[in-house]
Amino acid sequence: MADVDTTPARTSDDWAVQTADTIERLVESVRSNTSDRLVSVARLVVFGLFAAILGTVGLVLGINALVRFMVSYVGSAWVTYYILGGLFTLAGLLLWRHAWKHPARDN
């Protein structure tokens, strides 16, 4: 639980004002620990999804541009498909091998 400052804001003997100030500080503390953090998490999720969608679109357009570029210089679409298929397969196999590598243990 967050530390709540319960020291009176005023030094007067009016306990109603002191109680109201204490409740106000407590409510502010709870709000800052809950809803402000939820708003930050919601923003992170929204912007993260937006970045993922834009990244996926950029990746697809980049691969499309690469295929068109290679077809124009290689001359044959099939050769381009074989070259890129081989490169993507090798990259996938290397990533797959890296994913199953066990970390070295210090004994």
PDB file of N, CA and C in Angstrom:
ATOM      1  N   MET A   1       0.848  -1.163   0.000  1.00  0.00           N
ATOM      2  CA  MET A   1       0.000   0.000   0.000  1.00  0.00           C
ATOM      3  C   MET A   1       0.887   1.217   0.000  1.00  0.00           C
ATOM      4  N   ALA A   2       0.470   2.249  -0.674  1.00  0.00           N
ATOM      5  CA  ALA A   2       1.255   3.470  -0.766  1.00  0.00           C
ATOM      6  C   ALA A   2       1.237   4.202   0.563  1.00  0.00           C
ATOM      7  N   ASP A   3       2.338   4.874   0.835  1.00  0.00           N
ATOM      8  CA  ASP A   3       2.400   5.666   2.061  1.00  0.00           C
ATOM      9  C   ASP A   3       1.543   6.905   1.879  1.00  0.00           C
ATOM     10  N   VAL A   4       0.615   7.094   2.793  1.00  0.00           N
ATOM     11  CA  VAL A   4      -0.283   8.237   2.743  1.00  0.00           C
ATOM     12  C   VAL A   4       0.129   9.209   3.827  1.00  0.00           C
ATOM     13  N   ASP A   5       0.304  10.449   3.425  1.00  0.00           N
ATOM     14  CA  ASP A   5       0.670  11.484   4.378  1.00  0.00           C
ATOM     15  C   ASP A   5      -0.570  11.893   5.147  1.00  0.00           C
ATOM     16  N   THR A   6      -0.610  11.558   6.447  1.00  0.00           N
ATOM     17  CA  THR A   6      -1.784  11.875   7.258  1.00  0.00           C
ATOM     18  C   THR A   6      -1.544  13.043   8.180  1.00  0.00           C
ATOM     19  N   THR A   7      -0.461  13.778   7.944  1.00  0.00           N
ATOM     20  CA  THR A   7      -0.221  14.955   8.770  1.00  0.00           C
ATOM     21  C   THR A   7      -1.217  16.035   8.395  1.00  0.00           C
ATOM     22  N   PRO A   8      -1.704  16.758   9.360  1.00  0.00           N
ATOM     23  CA  PRO A   8      -2.711  17.767   9.043  1.00  0.00           C
ATOM     24  C   PRO A   8      -2.136  18.877   8.180  1.00  0.00           C
ATOM     25  N   ALA A   9      -2.943  19.351   7.237  1.00  0.00           N
ATOM     26  CA  ALA A   9      -2.506  20.416   6.355  1.00  0.00           C
ATOM     27  C   ALA A   9      -2.519  21.755   7.072  1.00  0.00           C
ATOM     28  N   ARG A  10      -3.411  21.905   8.033  1.00  0.00           N
ATOM     29  CA  ARG A  10      -3.520  23.147   8.799  1.00  0.00           C
ATOM     30  C   ARG A  10      -3.292  22.821  10.274  1.00  0.00           C
ATOM     31  N   THR A  11      -2.806  23.786  10.986  1.00  0.00           N
ATOM     32  CA  THR A  11      -2.536  23.556  12.401  1.00  0.00           C
ATOM     33  C   THR A  11      -3.696  23.981  13.289  1.00  0.00           C
ATOM     34  N   SER A  12      -4.804  24.315  12.691  1.00  0.00           N
ATOM     35  CA  SER A  12      -5.950  24.741  13.503  1.00  0.00           C
ATOM     36  C   SER A  12      -6.563  23.542  14.205  1.00  0.00           C
ATOM     37  N   ASP A  13      -7.437  23.829  15.147  1.00  0.00           N
ATOM     38  CA  ASP A  13      -8.082  22.769  15.913  1.00  0.00           C
ATOM     39  C   ASP A  13      -9.372  22.305  15.271  1.00  0.00           C
ATOM     40  N   ASP A  14      -9.647  22.720  14.039  1.00  0.00           N
ATOM     41  CA  ASP A  14     -10.884  22.345  13.366  1.00  0.00           C
ATOM     42  C   ASP A  14     -10.727  20.934  12.800  1.00  0.00           C
ATOM     43  N   TRP A  15     -11.242  19.960  13.526  1.00  0.00           N
ATOM     44  CA  TRP A  15     -11.061  18.562  13.128  1.00  0.00           C
ATOM     45  C   TRP A  15     -11.809  18.232  11.843  1.00  0.00           C
ATOM     46  N   ALA A  16     -12.877  18.917  11.517  1.00  0.00           N
ATOM     47  CA  ALA A  16     -13.612  18.653  10.273  1.00  0.00           C
ATOM     48  C   ALA A  16     -12.759  19.010   9.066  1.00  0.00           C
ATOM     49  N   VAL A  17     -12.045  20.114   9.130  1.00  0.00           N
ATOM     50  CA  VAL A  17     -11.169  20.527   8.027  1.00  0.00           C
ATOM     51  C   VAL A  17     -10.003  19.552   7.910  1.00  0.00           C
ATOM     52  N   GLN A  18      -9.459  19.147   9.039  1.00  0.00           N
ATOM     53  CA  GLN A  18      -8.351  18.194   9.011  1.00  0.00           C
ATOM     54  C   GLN A  18      -8.794  16.854   8.441  1.00  0.00           C
ATOM     55  N   THR A  19      -9.974  16.402   8.824  1.00  0.00           N
ATOM     56  CA  THR A  19     -10.492  15.137   8.305  1.00  0.00           C
ATOM     57  C   THR A  19     -10.745  15.230   6.810  1.00  0.00           C
ATOM     58  N   ALA A  20     -11.325  16.333   6.377  1.00  0.00           N
ATOM     59  CA  ALA A  20     -11.581  16.519   4.936  1.00  0.00           C
ATOM     60  C   ALA A  20     -10.279  16.558   4.158  1.00  0.00           C
ATOM     61  N   ASP A  21      -9.266  17.232   4.682  1.00  0.00           N
ATOM     62  CA  ASP A  21      -7.963  17.277   4.008  1.00  0.00           C
ATOM     63  C   ASP A  21      -7.317  15.897   3.945  1.00  0.00           C
ATOM     64  N   THR A  22      -7.430  15.139   5.022  1.00  0.00           N
ATOM     65  CA  THR A  22      -6.869  13.784   5.038  1.00  0.00           C
ATOM     66  C   THR A  22      -7.577  12.892   4.028  1.00  0.00           C
ATOM     67  N   ILE A  23      -8.885  12.978   3.956  1.00  0.00           N
ATOM     68  CA  ILE A  23      -9.644  12.180   2.978  1.00  0.00           C
ATOM     69  C   ILE A  23      -9.280  12.599   1.567  1.00  0.00           C
ATOM     70  N   GLU A  24      -9.125  13.882   1.344  1.00  0.00           N
ATOM     71  CA  GLU A  24      -8.766  14.365   0.005  1.00  0.00           C
ATOM     72  C   GLU A  24      -7.394  13.854  -0.410  1.00  0.00           C
ATOM     73  N   ARG A  25      -6.428  13.883   0.515  1.00  0.00           N
ATOM     74  CA  ARG A  25      -5.092  13.359   0.196  1.00  0.00           C
ATOM     75  C   ARG A  25      -5.135  11.861  -0.065  1.00  0.00           C
ATOM     76  N   LEU A  26      -5.953  11.133   0.712  1.00  0.00           N
ATOM     77  CA  LEU A  26      -6.079   9.695   0.517  1.00  0.00           C
ATOM     78  C   LEU A  26      -6.694   9.374  -0.836  1.00  0.00           C
ATOM     79  N   VAL A  27      -7.747  10.087  -1.199  1.00  0.00           N
ATOM     80  CA  VAL A  27      -8.388   9.863  -2.498  1.00  0.00           C
ATOM     81  C   VAL A  27      -7.438  10.201  -3.630  1.00  0.00           C
ATOM     82  N   GLU A  28      -6.700  11.271  -3.507  1.00  0.00           N
ATOM     83  CA  GLU A  28      -5.729  11.651  -4.530  1.00  0.00           C
ATOM     84  C   GLU A  28      -4.634  10.590  -4.668  1.00  0.00           C
ATOM     85  N   SER A  29      -4.201  10.052  -3.542  1.00  0.00           N
ATOM     86  CA  SER A  29      -3.176   9.016  -3.578  1.00  0.00           C
ATOM     87  C   SER A  29      -3.698   7.751  -4.255  1.00  0.00           C
ATOM     88  N   VAL A  30      -4.915   7.348  -3.935  1.00  0.00           N
ATOM     89  CA  VAL A  30      -5.496   6.156  -4.561  1.00  0.00           C
ATOM     90  C   VAL A  30      -5.687   6.387  -6.051  1.00  0.00           C
ATOM     91  N   ARG A  31      -6.158   7.574  -6.433  1.00  0.00           N
ATOM     92  CA  ARG A  31      -6.368   7.868  -7.843  1.00  0.00           C
ATOM     93  C   ARG A  31      -5.047   7.850  -8.602  1.00  0.00           C
ATOM     94  N   SER A  32      -4.002   8.421  -8.019  1.00  0.00           N
ATOM     95  CA  SER A  32      -2.721   8.442  -8.720  1.00  0.00           C
ATOM     96  C   SER A  32      -2.124   7.051  -8.835  1.00  0.00           C
ATOM     97  N   ASN A  33      -2.446   6.164  -7.900  1.00  0.00           N
ATOM     98  CA  ASN A  33      -1.905   4.808  -7.954  1.00  0.00           C
ATOM     99  C   ASN A  33      -2.737   3.868  -8.814  1.00  0.00           C
ATOM    100  N   THR A  34      -3.950   4.242  -9.168  1.00  0.00           N
ATOM    101  CA  THR A  34      -4.797   3.329  -9.954  1.00  0.00           C
ATOM    102  C   THR A  34      -5.092   3.890 -11.332  1.00  0.00           C
ATOM    103  N   SER A  35      -5.913   4.898 -11.411  1.00  0.00           N
ATOM    104  CA  SER A  35      -6.397   5.340 -12.714  1.00  0.00           C
ATOM    105  C   SER A  35      -5.298   5.976 -13.557  1.00  0.00           C
ATOM    106  N   ASP A  36      -4.359   6.691 -12.959  1.00  0.00           N
ATOM    107  CA  ASP A  36      -3.268   7.264 -13.745  1.00  0.00           C
ATOM    108  C   ASP A  36      -2.416   6.163 -14.368  1.00  0.00           C
ATOM    109  N   ARG A  37      -2.169   5.107 -13.625  1.00  0.00           N
ATOM    110  CA  ARG A  37      -1.389   3.989 -14.174  1.00  0.00           C
ATOM    111  C   ARG A  37      -2.164   3.247 -15.252  1.00  0.00           C
ATOM    112  N   LEU A  38      -3.475   3.097 -15.059  1.00  0.00           N
ATOM    113  CA  LEU A  38      -4.288   2.442 -16.080  1.00  0.00           C
ATOM    114  C   LEU A  38      -4.305   3.241 -17.370  1.00  0.00           C
ATOM    115  N   VAL A  39      -4.366   4.550 -17.267  1.00  0.00           N
ATOM    116  CA  VAL A  39      -4.323   5.395 -18.465  1.00  0.00           C
ATOM    117  C   VAL A  39      -2.986   5.220 -19.170  1.00  0.00           C
ATOM    118  N   SER A  40      -1.904   5.146 -18.428  1.00  0.00           N
ATOM    119  CA  SER A  40      -0.582   4.946 -19.040  1.00  0.00           C
ATOM    120  C   SER A  40      -0.492   3.591 -19.739  1.00  0.00           C
ATOM    121  N   VAL A  41      -1.028   2.556 -19.114  1.00  0.00           N
ATOM    122  CA  VAL A  41      -1.005   1.222 -19.724  1.00  0.00           C
ATOM    123  C   VAL A  41      -1.872   1.197 -20.971  1.00  0.00           C
ATOM    124  N   ALA A  42      -3.032   1.845 -20.925  1.00  0.00           N
ATOM    125  CA  ALA A  42      -3.911   1.885 -22.093  1.00  0.00           C
ATOM    126  C   ALA A  42      -3.241   2.608 -23.255  1.00  0.00           C
ATOM    127  N   ARG A  43      -2.561   3.703 -22.963  1.00  0.00           N
ATOM    128  CA  ARG A  43      -1.834   4.414 -24.022  1.00  0.00           C
ATOM    129  C   ARG A  43      -0.732   3.541 -24.608  1.00  0.00           C
ATOM    130  N   LEU A  44      -0.024   2.823 -23.754  1.00  0.00           N
ATOM    131  CA  LEU A  44       1.036   1.942 -24.223  1.00  0.00           C
ATOM    132  C   LEU A  44       0.479   0.864 -25.149  1.00  0.00           C
ATOM    133  N   VAL A  45      -0.656   0.274 -24.788  1.00  0.00           N
ATOM    134  CA  VAL A  45      -1.265  -0.764 -25.611  1.00  0.00           C
ATOM    135  C   VAL A  45      -1.709  -0.193 -26.959  1.00  0.00           C
ATOM    136  N   VAL A  46      -2.352   0.967 -26.937  1.00  0.00           N
ATOM    137  CA  VAL A  46      -2.839   1.563 -28.184  1.00  0.00           C
ATOM    138  C   VAL A  46      -1.682   1.914 -29.106  1.00  0.00           C
ATOM    139  N   PHE A  47      -0.672   2.587 -28.586  1.00  0.00           N
ATOM    140  CA  PHE A  47       0.455   2.967 -29.431  1.00  0.00           C
ATOM    141  C   PHE A  47       1.269   1.748 -29.865  1.00  0.00           C
ATOM    142  N   GLY A  48       1.348   0.729 -29.017  1.00  0.00           N
ATOM    143  CA  GLY A  48       2.043  -0.497 -29.404  1.00  0.00           C
ATOM    144  C   GLY A  48       1.338  -1.218 -30.538  1.00  0.00           C
ATOM    145  N   LEU A  49       0.011  -1.312 -30.456  1.00  0.00           N
ATOM    146  CA  LEU A  49      -0.744  -1.925 -31.551  1.00  0.00           C
ATOM    147  C   LEU A  49      -0.611  -1.120 -32.835  1.00  0.00           C
ATOM    148  N   PHE A  50      -0.663   0.199 -32.717  1.00  0.00           N
ATOM    149  CA  PHE A  50      -0.508   1.060 -33.888  1.00  0.00           C
ATOM    150  C   PHE A  50       0.866   0.847 -34.536  1.00  0.00           C
ATOM    151  N   ALA A  51       1.911   0.777 -33.719  1.00  0.00           N
ATOM    152  CA  ALA A  51       3.258   0.543 -34.251  1.00  0.00           C
ATOM    153  C   ALA A  51       3.376  -0.839 -34.877  1.00  0.00           C
ATOM    154  N   ALA A  52       2.736  -1.847 -34.273  1.00  0.00           N
ATOM    155  CA  ALA A  52       2.790  -3.200 -34.839  1.00  0.00           C
ATOM    156  C   ALA A  52       2.074  -3.260 -36.185  1.00  0.00           C
ATOM    157  N   ILE A  53       0.939  -2.592 -36.292  1.00  0.00           N
ATOM    158  CA  ILE A  53       0.209  -2.581 -37.562  1.00  0.00           C
ATOM    159  C   ILE A  53       1.015  -1.857 -38.633  1.00  0.00           C
ATOM    160  N   LEU A  54       1.566  -0.694 -38.296  1.00  0.00           N
ATOM    161  CA  LEU A  54       2.380   0.027 -39.278  1.00  0.00           C
ATOM    162  C   LEU A  54       3.637  -0.760 -39.651  1.00  0.00           C
ATOM    163  N   GLY A  55       4.233  -1.446 -38.680  1.00  0.00           N
ATOM    164  CA  GLY A  55       5.408  -2.259 -38.982  1.00  0.00           C
ATOM    165  C   GLY A  55       5.087  -3.419 -39.909  1.00  0.00           C
ATOM    166  N   THR A  56       3.929  -4.050 -39.706  1.00  0.00           N
ATOM    167  CA  THR A  56       3.523  -5.152 -40.576  1.00  0.00           C
ATOM    168  C   THR A  56       3.268  -4.654 -41.989  1.00  0.00           C
ATOM    169  N   VAL A  57       2.584  -3.528 -42.106  1.00  0.00           N
ATOM    170  CA  VAL A  57       2.327  -2.955 -43.436  1.00  0.00           C
ATOM    171  C   VAL A  57       3.645  -2.591 -44.108  1.00  0.00           C
ATOM    172  N   GLY A  58       4.553  -1.995 -43.366  1.00  0.00           N
ATOM    173  CA  GLY A  58       5.856  -1.640 -43.925  1.00  0.00           C
ATOM    174  C   GLY A  58       6.652  -2.860 -44.365  1.00  0.00           C
ATOM    175  N   LEU A  59       6.579  -3.938 -43.585  1.00  0.00           N
ATOM    176  CA  LEU A  59       7.284  -5.165 -43.952  1.00  0.00           C
ATOM    177  C   LEU A  59       6.724  -5.763 -45.240  1.00  0.00           C
ATOM    178  N   VAL A  60       5.399  -5.806 -45.348  1.00  0.00           N
ATOM    179  CA  VAL A  60       4.775  -6.351 -46.559  1.00  0.00           C
ATOM    180  C   VAL A  60       5.128  -5.504 -47.769  1.00  0.00           C
ATOM    181  N   LEU A  61       5.042  -4.187 -47.641  1.00  0.00           N
ATOM    182  CA  LEU A  61       5.385  -3.315 -48.771  1.00  0.00           C
ATOM    183  C   LEU A  61       6.870  -3.415 -49.121  1.00  0.00           C
ATOM    184  N   GLY A  62       7.721  -3.562 -48.103  1.00  0.00           N
ATOM    185  CA  GLY A  62       9.150  -3.713 -48.373  1.00  0.00           C
ATOM    186  C   GLY A  62       9.475  -5.008 -49.109  1.00  0.00           C
ATOM    187  N   ILE A  63       8.837  -6.102 -48.715  1.00  0.00           N
ATOM    188  CA  ILE A  63       9.059  -7.381 -49.413  1.00  0.00           C
ATOM    189  C   ILE A  63       8.529  -7.301 -50.842  1.00  0.00           C
ATOM    190  N   ASN A  64       7.378  -6.659 -51.011  1.00  0.00           N
ATOM    191  CA  ASN A  64       6.826  -6.489 -52.346  1.00  0.00           C
ATOM    192  C   ASN A  64       7.777  -5.680 -53.227  1.00  0.00           C
ATOM    193  N   ALA A  65       8.333  -4.597 -52.693  1.00  0.00           N
ATOM    194  CA  ALA A  65       9.288  -3.783 -53.454  1.00  0.00           C
ATOM    195  C   ALA A  65      10.546  -4.581 -53.771  1.00  0.00           C
ATOM    196  N   LEU A  66      11.018  -5.401 -52.828  1.00  0.00           N
ATOM    197  CA  LEU A  66      12.201  -6.228 -53.069  1.00  0.00           C
ATOM    198  C   LEU A  66      11.956  -7.229 -54.190  1.00  0.00           C
ATOM    199  N   VAL A  67      10.792  -7.868 -54.189  1.00  0.00           N
ATOM    200  CA  VAL A  67      10.471  -8.842 -55.244  1.00  0.00           C
ATOM    201  C   VAL A  67      10.412  -8.146 -56.589  1.00  0.00           C
ATOM    202  N   ARG A  68       9.744  -6.999 -56.658  1.00  0.00           N
ATOM    203  CA  ARG A  68       9.655  -6.278 -57.936  1.00  0.00           C
ATOM    204  C   ARG A  68      11.040  -5.829 -58.421  1.00  0.00           C
ATOM    205  N   PHE A  69      11.872  -5.370 -57.495  1.00  0.00           N
ATOM    206  CA  PHE A  69      13.222  -4.950 -57.846  1.00  0.00           C
ATOM    207  C   PHE A  69      14.035  -6.124 -58.381  1.00  0.00           C
ATOM    208  N   MET A  70      13.942  -7.259 -57.697  1.00  0.00           N
ATOM    209  CA  MET A  70      14.711  -8.429 -58.139  1.00  0.00           C
ATOM    210  C   MET A  70      14.200  -8.971 -59.462  1.00  0.00           C
ATOM    211  N   VAL A  71      12.888  -8.965 -59.672  1.00  0.00           N
ATOM    212  CA  VAL A  71      12.339  -9.455 -60.944  1.00  0.00           C
ATOM    213  C   VAL A  71      12.829  -8.578 -62.087  1.00  0.00           C
ATOM    214  N   SER A  72      12.920  -7.269 -61.856  1.00  0.00           N
ATOM    215  CA  SER A  72      13.362  -6.379 -62.936  1.00  0.00           C
ATOM    216  C   SER A  72      14.841  -6.587 -63.268  1.00  0.00           C
ATOM    217  N   TYR A  73      15.674  -6.977 -62.305  1.00  0.00           N
ATOM    218  CA  TYR A  73      17.092  -7.174 -62.573  1.00  0.00           C
ATOM    219  C   TYR A  73      17.444  -8.619 -62.891  1.00  0.00           C
ATOM    220  N   VAL A  74      16.762  -9.589 -62.298  1.00  0.00           N
ATOM    221  CA  VAL A  74      17.053 -10.994 -62.582  1.00  0.00           C
ATOM    222  C   VAL A  74      16.412 -11.389 -63.901  1.00  0.00           C
ATOM    223  N   GLY A  75      15.219 -10.906 -64.133  1.00  0.00           N
ATOM    224  CA  GLY A  75      14.543 -11.172 -65.397  1.00  0.00           C
ATOM    225  C   GLY A  75      13.498 -12.262 -65.305  1.00  0.00           C
ATOM    226  N   SER A  76      13.574 -13.117 -64.316  1.00  0.00           N
ATOM    227  CA  SER A  76      12.624 -14.210 -64.188  1.00  0.00           C
ATOM    228  C   SER A  76      12.009 -14.180 -62.788  1.00  0.00           C
ATOM    229  N   ALA A  77      10.697 -14.275 -62.746  1.00  0.00           N
ATOM    230  CA  ALA A  77      10.020 -14.264 -61.459  1.00  0.00           C
ATOM    231  C   ALA A  77      10.325 -15.532 -60.673  1.00  0.00           C
ATOM    232  N   TRP A  78      10.425 -16.666 -61.369  1.00  0.00           N
ATOM    233  CA  TRP A  78      10.670 -17.927 -60.675  1.00  0.00           C
ATOM    234  C   TRP A  78      12.030 -17.948 -59.998  1.00  0.00           C
ATOM    235  N   VAL A  79      13.043 -17.417 -60.653  1.00  0.00           N
ATOM    236  CA  VAL A  79      14.381 -17.375 -60.057  1.00  0.00           C
ATOM    237  C   VAL A  79      14.363 -16.473 -58.817  1.00  0.00           C
ATOM    238  N   THR A  80      13.645 -15.363 -58.931  1.00  0.00           N
ATOM    239  CA  THR A  80      13.516 -14.462 -57.795  1.00  0.00           C
ATOM    240  C   THR A  80      12.841 -15.160 -56.625  1.00  0.00           C
ATOM    241  N   TYR A  81      11.783 -15.901 -56.912  1.00  0.00           N
ATOM    242  CA  TYR A  81      11.076 -16.624 -55.851  1.00  0.00           C
ATOM    243  C   TYR A  81      11.969 -17.676 -55.205  1.00  0.00           C
ATOM    244  N   TYR A  82      12.770 -18.365 -55.996  1.00  0.00           N
ATOM    245  CA  TYR A  82      13.677 -19.367 -55.446  1.00  0.00           C
ATOM    246  C   TYR A  82      14.749 -18.713 -54.561  1.00  0.00           C
ATOM    247  N   ILE A  83      15.305 -17.604 -55.031  1.00  0.00           N
ATOM    248  CA  ILE A  83      16.347 -16.922 -54.250  1.00  0.00           C
ATOM    249  C   ILE A  83      15.777 -16.419 -52.925  1.00  0.00           C
ATOM    250  N   LEU A  84      14.661 -15.698 -52.990  1.00  0.00           N
ATOM    251  CA  LEU A  84      14.078 -15.157 -51.762  1.00  0.00           C
ATOM    252  C   LEU A  84      13.540 -16.262 -50.861  1.00  0.00           C
ATOM    253  N   GLY A  85      12.979 -17.300 -51.442  1.00  0.00           N
ATOM    254  CA  GLY A  85      12.501 -18.427 -50.635  1.00  0.00           C
ATOM    255  C   GLY A  85      13.639 -19.102 -49.903  1.00  0.00           C
ATOM    256  N   GLY A  86      14.764 -19.268 -50.582  1.00  0.00           N
ATOM    257  CA  GLY A  86      15.935 -19.848 -49.929  1.00  0.00           C
ATOM    258  C   GLY A  86      16.473 -18.962 -48.817  1.00  0.00           C
ATOM    259  N   LEU A  87      16.536 -17.655 -49.070  1.00  0.00           N
ATOM    260  CA  LEU A  87      17.024 -16.739 -48.039  1.00  0.00           C
ATOM    261  C   LEU A  87      16.099 -16.722 -46.819  1.00  0.00           C
ATOM    262  N   PHE A  88      14.789 -16.657 -47.055  1.00  0.00           N
ATOM    263  CA  PHE A  88      13.855 -16.652 -45.935  1.00  0.00           C
ATOM    264  C   PHE A  88      13.859 -17.989 -45.194  1.00  0.00           C
ATOM    265  N   THR A  89      14.043 -19.081 -45.913  1.00  0.00           N
ATOM    266  CA  THR A  89      14.120 -20.381 -45.260  1.00  0.00           C
ATOM    267  C   THR A  89      15.364 -20.483 -44.390  1.00  0.00           C
ATOM    268  N   LEU A  90      16.502 -20.032 -44.896  1.00  0.00           N
ATOM    269  CA  LEU A  90      17.732 -20.040 -44.098  1.00  0.00           C
ATOM    270  C   LEU A  90      17.595 -19.149 -42.861  1.00  0.00           C
ATOM    271  N   ALA A  91      17.009 -17.968 -43.045  1.00  0.00           N
ATOM    272  CA  ALA A  91      16.816 -17.081 -41.902  1.00  0.00           C
ATOM    273  C   ALA A  91      15.890 -17.724 -40.875  1.00  0.00           C
ATOM    274  N   GLY A  92      14.840 -18.374 -41.325  1.00  0.00           N
ATOM    275  CA  GLY A  92      13.923 -19.046 -40.413  1.00  0.00           C
ATOM    276  C   GLY A  92      14.582 -20.201 -39.679  1.00  0.00           C
ATOM    277  N   LEU A  93      15.394 -20.972 -40.388  1.00  0.00           N
ATOM    278  CA  LEU A  93      16.096 -22.082 -39.738  1.00  0.00           C
ATOM    279  C   LEU A  93      17.097 -21.586 -38.701  1.00  0.00           C
ATOM    280  N   LEU A  94      17.807 -20.494 -39.013  1.00  0.00           N
ATOM    281  CA  LEU A  94      18.742 -19.938 -38.037  1.00  0.00           C
ATOM    282  C   LEU A  94      18.001 -19.423 -36.803  1.00  0.00           C
ATOM    283  N   LEU A  95      16.876 -18.759 -37.005  1.00  0.00           N
ATOM    284  CA  LEU A  95      16.095 -18.280 -35.866  1.00  0.00           C
ATOM    285  C   LEU A  95      15.518 -19.442 -35.066  1.00  0.00           C
ATOM    286  N   TRP A  96      15.076 -20.480 -35.750  1.00  0.00           N
ATOM    287  CA  TRP A  96      14.529 -21.657 -35.072  1.00  0.00           C
ATOM    288  C   TRP A  96      15.611 -22.339 -34.230  1.00  0.00           C
ATOM    289  N   ARG A  97      16.817 -22.433 -34.800  1.00  0.00           N
ATOM    290  CA  ARG A  97      17.927 -23.049 -34.070  1.00  0.00           C
ATOM    291  C   ARG A  97      18.288 -22.210 -32.848  1.00  0.00           C
ATOM    292  N   HIS A  98      18.260 -20.900 -33.014  1.00  0.00           N
ATOM    293  CA  HIS A  98      18.582 -20.003 -31.906  1.00  0.00           C
ATOM    294  C   HIS A  98      17.506 -20.068 -30.818  1.00  0.00           C
ATOM    295  N   ALA A  99      16.273 -20.297 -31.199  1.00  0.00           N
ATOM    296  CA  ALA A  99      15.186 -20.352 -30.223  1.00  0.00           C
ATOM    297  C   ALA A  99      15.300 -21.578 -29.328  1.00  0.00           C
ATOM    298  N   TRP A 100      15.847 -22.662 -29.820  1.00  0.00           N
ATOM    299  CA  TRP A 100      15.941 -23.892 -29.049  1.00  0.00           C
ATOM    300  C   TRP A 100      17.274 -24.060 -28.352  1.00  0.00           C
ATOM    301  N   LYS A 101      18.154 -23.071 -28.447  1.00  0.00           N
ATOM    302  CA  LYS A 101      19.442 -23.129 -27.771  1.00  0.00           C
ATOM    303  C   LYS A 101      19.239 -22.915 -26.285  1.00  0.00           C
ATOM    304  N   HIS A 102      19.797 -23.791 -25.488  1.00  0.00           N
ATOM    305  CA  HIS A 102      19.698 -23.663 -24.039  1.00  0.00           C
ATOM    306  C   HIS A 102      20.803 -22.741 -23.539  1.00  0.00           C
ATOM    307  N   PRO A 103      20.489 -21.859 -22.599  1.00  0.00           N
ATOM    308  CA  PRO A 103      21.534 -20.979 -22.076  1.00  0.00           C
ATOM    309  C   PRO A 103      22.551 -21.783 -21.262  1.00  0.00           C
ATOM    310  N   ALA A 104      23.786 -21.340 -21.298  1.00  0.00           N
ATOM    311  CA  ALA A 104      24.861 -22.009 -20.547  1.00  0.00           C
ATOM    312  C   ALA A 104      24.629 -21.791 -19.066  1.00  0.00           C
ATOM    313  N   ARG A 105      24.750 -22.863 -18.304  1.00  0.00           N
ATOM    314  CA  ARG A 105      24.568 -22.775 -16.855  1.00  0.00           C
ATOM    315  C   ARG A 105      25.915 -22.678 -16.188  1.00  0.00           C
ATOM    316  N   ASP A 106      25.985 -21.811 -15.193  1.00  0.00           N
ATOM    317  CA  ASP A 106      27.206 -21.675 -14.408  1.00  0.00           C
ATOM    318  C   ASP A 106      27.119 -22.605 -13.202  1.00  0.00           C
ATOM    319  N   ASN A 107      27.957 -23.640 -13.183  1.00  0.00           N
ATOM    320  CA  ASN A 107      27.938 -24.595 -12.060  1.00  0.00           C
ATOM    321  C   ASN A 107      29.148 -24.417 -11.196  1.00  0.00           C
TER     322      ASN A 107
END
